[in-house]
Amino acid sequence: MCRNIRPLNNFAPPATDEEVRAAALQYVRKIGGSAKPSSANEAAYERAVDVIAQASRELIDSLVTSAPPKDREVEASKARARAAKRYAAVAS
């Protein structure tokens, strides 16, 4: 999976439409092989992002879990700690 796509399910507050669209955009860029499509392909990218964002929202909204919702700040803090450890290992 693309590193920039983050899990969006089971968070308090729930994932916003902007977060879902950003994940869809990252996915389309990854499989399309380009962060900035040519003008000839721009419409195709936009359609794909719209379709994937809609499907992703439907998926997230229909998932059921018995786990308590995760706190965004706690998860972000954990991610920062992992990144600091990962990049510290590279710097040494």
C-alpha atoms as a PDB file:
ATOM      1  CA  MET A   1       0.000   0.000   0.000  1.00  0.00           C
ATOM      2  CA  CYS A   2       1.122   3.551  -0.610  1.00  0.00           C
ATOM      3  CA  ARG A   3       2.706   4.979   2.513  1.00  0.00           C
ATOM      4  CA  ASN A   4       0.702   8.196   2.244  1.00  0.00           C
ATOM      5  CA  ILE A   5      -2.651   6.444   2.405  1.00  0.00           C
ATOM      6  CA  ARG A   6      -3.702   6.203   6.034  1.00  0.00           C
ATOM      7  CA  PRO A   7      -6.352   3.957   7.570  1.00  0.00           C
ATOM      8  CA  LEU A   8      -9.601   5.930   7.849  1.00  0.00           C
ATOM      9  CA  ASN A   9     -11.908   3.479   9.580  1.00  0.00           C
ATOM     10  CA  ASN A  10     -12.918   3.578  13.242  1.00  0.00           C
ATOM     11  CA  PHE A  11     -11.708   7.033  14.232  1.00  0.00           C
ATOM     12  CA  ALA A  12     -13.342   9.583  16.484  1.00  0.00           C
ATOM     13  CA  PRO A  13     -14.350  11.851  14.877  1.00  0.00           C
ATOM     14  CA  PRO A  14     -15.022   9.874  11.681  1.00  0.00           C
ATOM     15  CA  ALA A  15     -12.999  10.454   8.532  1.00  0.00           C
ATOM     16  CA  THR A  16     -14.028  13.553   6.636  1.00  0.00           C
ATOM     17  CA  ASP A  17     -14.892  13.620   2.954  1.00  0.00           C
ATOM     18  CA  GLU A  18     -11.665  15.584   2.399  1.00  0.00           C
ATOM     19  CA  GLU A  19      -9.605  12.795   4.001  1.00  0.00           C
ATOM     20  CA  VAL A  20     -11.362  10.166   1.908  1.00  0.00           C
ATOM     21  CA  ARG A  21     -10.784  12.184  -1.266  1.00  0.00           C
ATOM     22  CA  ALA A  22      -7.103  12.727  -0.372  1.00  0.00           C
ATOM     23  CA  ALA A  23      -6.650   8.972   0.054  1.00  0.00           C
ATOM     24  CA  ALA A  24      -8.404   8.355  -3.283  1.00  0.00           C
ATOM     25  CA  LEU A  25      -6.141  10.901  -4.955  1.00  0.00           C
ATOM     26  CA  GLN A  26      -3.015   9.226  -3.554  1.00  0.00           C
ATOM     27  CA  TYR A  27      -4.267   5.855  -4.777  1.00  0.00           C
ATOM     28  CA  VAL A  28      -4.991   7.155  -8.286  1.00  0.00           C
ATOM     29  CA  ARG A  29      -1.611   8.871  -8.455  1.00  0.00           C
ATOM     30  CA  LYS A  30       0.111   5.666  -7.382  1.00  0.00           C
ATOM     31  CA  ILE A  31      -1.581   3.357  -9.871  1.00  0.00           C
ATOM     32  CA  GLY A  32      -1.588   6.002 -12.609  1.00  0.00           C
ATOM     33  CA  GLY A  33       2.146   6.460 -12.199  1.00  0.00           C
ATOM     34  CA  SER A  34       2.040  10.236 -12.079  1.00  0.00           C
ATOM     35  CA  ALA A  35       1.467  12.832  -9.381  1.00  0.00           C
ATOM     36  CA  LYS A  36       0.509  15.402 -12.027  1.00  0.00           C
ATOM     37  CA  PRO A  37      -1.245  13.918 -15.033  1.00  0.00           C
ATOM     38  CA  SER A  38      -0.919  15.446 -18.475  1.00  0.00           C
ATOM     39  CA  SER A  39      -3.780  17.637 -19.618  1.00  0.00           C
ATOM     40  CA  ALA A  40      -4.912  14.775 -21.858  1.00  0.00           C
ATOM     41  CA  ASN A  41      -5.288  12.493 -18.808  1.00  0.00           C
ATOM     42  CA  GLU A  42      -6.492  15.007 -16.221  1.00  0.00           C
ATOM     43  CA  ALA A  43     -10.197  14.271 -16.748  1.00  0.00           C
ATOM     44  CA  ALA A  44      -9.597  10.531 -16.436  1.00  0.00           C
ATOM     45  CA  TYR A  45      -7.724  11.078 -13.155  1.00  0.00           C
ATOM     46  CA  GLU A  46     -10.530  13.260 -11.774  1.00  0.00           C
ATOM     47  CA  ARG A  47     -13.207  10.707 -12.703  1.00  0.00           C
ATOM     48  CA  ALA A  48     -11.165   7.936 -11.083  1.00  0.00           C
ATOM     49  CA  VAL A  49     -10.675   9.973  -7.894  1.00  0.00           C
ATOM     50  CA  ASP A  50     -14.422  10.681  -7.706  1.00  0.00           C
ATOM     51  CA  VAL A  51     -15.366   7.015  -8.192  1.00  0.00           C
ATOM     52  CA  ILE A  52     -12.761   5.718  -5.727  1.00  0.00           C
ATOM     53  CA  ALA A  53     -13.650   8.346  -3.120  1.00  0.00           C
ATOM     54  CA  GLN A  54     -17.322   7.392  -3.363  1.00  0.00           C
ATOM     55  CA  ALA A  55     -16.556   3.668  -3.097  1.00  0.00           C
ATOM     56  CA  SER A  56     -14.203   4.323  -0.178  1.00  0.00           C
ATOM     57  CA  ARG A  57     -16.833   6.370   1.669  1.00  0.00           C
ATOM     58  CA  GLU A  58     -19.400   3.614   1.147  1.00  0.00           C
ATOM     59  CA  LEU A  59     -16.943   1.047   2.468  1.00  0.00           C
ATOM     60  CA  ILE A  60     -15.992   3.074   5.544  1.00  0.00           C
ATOM     61  CA  ASP A  61     -19.632   3.834   6.333  1.00  0.00           C
ATOM     62  CA  SER A  62     -20.644   0.171   6.083  1.00  0.00           C
ATOM     63  CA  LEU A  63     -17.819  -1.366   8.135  1.00  0.00           C
ATOM     64  CA  VAL A  64     -18.739  -2.680  11.578  1.00  0.00           C
ATOM     65  CA  THR A  65     -16.338  -3.130  14.468  1.00  0.00           C
ATOM     66  CA  SER A  66     -16.572  -3.885  18.165  1.00  0.00           C
ATOM     67  CA  ALA A  67     -13.298  -2.053  18.891  1.00  0.00           C
ATOM     68  CA  PRO A  68     -13.536   1.373  20.453  1.00  0.00           C
ATOM     69  CA  PRO A  69     -12.835   4.284  18.087  1.00  0.00           C
ATOM     70  CA  LYS A  70      -9.189   5.338  17.853  1.00  0.00           C
ATOM     71  CA  ASP A  71      -8.168   8.821  18.907  1.00  0.00           C
ATOM     72  CA  ARG A  72      -6.622  10.810  16.059  1.00  0.00           C
ATOM     73  CA  GLU A  73      -4.113  12.630  18.257  1.00  0.00           C
ATOM     74  CA  VAL A  74      -2.890   9.424  19.912  1.00  0.00           C
ATOM     75  CA  GLU A  75      -2.472   7.713  16.526  1.00  0.00           C
ATOM     76  CA  ALA A  76      -0.687  10.763  15.088  1.00  0.00           C
ATOM     77  CA  SER A  77       1.664  10.798  18.071  1.00  0.00           C
ATOM     78  CA  LYS A  78       2.456   7.098  17.547  1.00  0.00           C
ATOM     79  CA  ALA A  79       3.145   7.742  13.848  1.00  0.00           C
ATOM     80  CA  ARG A  80       5.486  10.629  14.671  1.00  0.00           C
ATOM     81  CA  ALA A  81       7.375   8.420  17.148  1.00  0.00           C
ATOM     82  CA  ARG A  82       7.733   5.651  14.525  1.00  0.00           C
ATOM     83  CA  ALA A  83       8.958   8.174  11.955  1.00  0.00           C
ATOM     84  CA  ALA A  84      11.475   9.672  14.376  1.00  0.00           C
ATOM     85  CA  LYS A  85      12.823   6.215  15.155  1.00  0.00           C
ATOM     86  CA  ARG A  86      12.933   5.237  11.456  1.00  0.00           C
ATOM     87  CA  TYR A  87      14.701   8.420  10.343  1.00  0.00           C
ATOM     88  CA  ALA A  88      17.075   8.393  13.307  1.00  0.00           C
ATOM     89  CA  ALA A  89      18.208   4.907  12.237  1.00  0.00           C
ATOM     90  CA  VAL A  90      18.867   6.196   8.709  1.00  0.00           C
ATOM     91  CA  ALA A  91      20.844   9.196   9.965  1.00  0.00           C
ATOM     92  CA  SER A  92      23.200   7.084  12.086  1.00  0.00           C
END
